[in-house]
Amino acid sequence: MTEPAGPVRRLAARDANPNLIQEADAARKFEVYKDRAGKSRVRVKLNSEVILSTVGCASKAGAKNAIESIKKNGPDAPTDDTTG
């Protein structure tokens, strides 16, 4: 069996090497921020690049609920390719 490359390999190896835990965790994060309209939003960053941004939430608590929902429901979400 071949070993996955890049971030997948590092995440799969987290349990084997404690130093990789810090590396993987530092590479990804959720950010709660206020947009120009004053709404709370969440962006997900991987290696400092925004890979996902939510719609505006009325409150910071709403944005934090969005984070929990992404964590809970995101890993098993199906992919819907509508490009044809």
Protein backbone atom coordinates (compact mmCIF):
# COMPACT_ATOMS: atom_id res chain seq x y z
CA MET A 1 0.00 0.00 0.00
CA THR A 2 1.39 3.42 -0.92
CA GLU A 3 1.44 6.24 1.60
CA PRO A 4 -0.68 9.33 0.77
CA ALA A 5 1.25 12.50 0.00
CA GLY A 6 1.10 15.99 1.48
CA PRO A 7 -1.39 17.05 4.17
CA VAL A 8 -3.31 13.77 3.95
CA ARG A 9 -0.18 11.85 4.89
CA ARG A 10 0.57 14.20 7.78
CA LEU A 11 -2.97 13.96 9.17
CA ALA A 12 -3.01 10.18 8.82
CA ALA A 13 0.29 10.01 10.70
CA ARG A 14 -0.76 12.32 13.56
CA ASP A 15 -1.07 9.53 16.10
CA ALA A 16 2.33 8.14 15.24
CA ASN A 17 4.26 11.40 15.61
CA PRO A 18 3.19 14.03 18.19
CA ASN A 19 5.20 16.76 16.40
CA LEU A 20 2.91 16.41 13.37
CA ILE A 21 -0.11 17.30 15.50
CA GLN A 22 1.20 20.85 15.95
CA GLU A 23 2.14 21.11 12.27
CA ALA A 24 -1.29 19.98 11.06
CA ASP A 25 -3.20 22.09 13.59
CA ALA A 26 -1.18 25.20 12.72
CA ALA A 27 -1.99 24.71 9.02
CA ARG A 28 -5.77 24.88 9.47
CA LYS A 29 -8.10 27.12 11.45
CA PHE A 30 -11.51 28.74 11.71
CA GLU A 31 -11.69 32.54 11.92
CA VAL A 32 -14.69 34.53 13.13
CA TYR A 33 -14.70 38.08 11.74
CA LYS A 34 -17.04 41.02 11.06
CA ASP A 35 -17.77 41.90 7.46
CA ARG A 36 -18.34 45.45 6.14
CA ALA A 37 -22.06 45.20 6.91
CA GLY A 38 -21.31 44.35 10.55
CA LYS A 39 -22.34 40.68 10.23
CA SER A 40 -20.30 37.91 11.86
CA ARG A 41 -18.79 35.47 9.39
CA VAL A 42 -16.57 32.43 9.51
CA ARG A 43 -13.75 31.63 7.16
CA VAL A 44 -11.82 28.39 7.11
CA LYS A 45 -8.14 28.67 6.33
CA LEU A 46 -5.67 26.01 5.29
CA ASN A 47 -2.04 27.08 5.12
CA SER A 48 -3.16 30.74 5.40
CA GLU A 49 -5.42 30.42 2.33
CA VAL A 50 -9.18 30.89 2.68
CA ILE A 51 -10.87 27.70 1.49
CA LEU A 52 -14.40 28.43 2.74
CA SER A 53 -16.41 31.44 3.87
CA THR A 54 -19.90 31.45 5.36
CA VAL A 55 -22.79 33.81 4.82
CA GLY A 56 -23.20 36.62 7.34
CA CYS A 57 -24.67 35.70 10.72
CA ALA A 58 -26.59 38.14 12.91
CA SER A 59 -24.36 37.43 15.91
CA LYS A 60 -20.99 36.06 16.95
CA ALA A 61 -22.84 33.15 18.60
CA GLY A 62 -24.41 32.36 15.21
CA ALA A 63 -20.97 32.26 13.62
CA LYS A 64 -19.69 29.94 16.35
CA ASN A 65 -22.72 27.69 15.79
CA ALA A 66 -21.77 27.59 12.10
CA ILE A 67 -18.29 26.37 13.07
CA GLU A 68 -19.75 23.58 15.20
CA SER A 69 -22.09 22.60 12.36
CA ILE A 70 -19.21 22.47 9.87
CA LYS A 71 -17.16 20.32 12.26
CA LYS A 72 -20.10 17.98 12.91
CA ASN A 73 -21.61 17.69 9.43
CA GLY A 74 -18.75 18.56 7.06
CA PRO A 75 -16.47 15.52 7.15
CA ASP A 76 -19.07 13.15 5.70
CA ALA A 77 -20.81 15.61 3.37
CA PRO A 78 -21.29 14.32 -0.18
CA THR A 79 -19.87 16.17 -3.17
CA ASP A 80 -22.44 17.49 -5.64
CA ASP A 81 -20.76 18.31 -8.96
CA THR A 82 -23.21 20.45 -10.92
CA THR A 83 -20.78 21.33 -13.72
CA GLY A 84 -22.30 18.73 -16.06
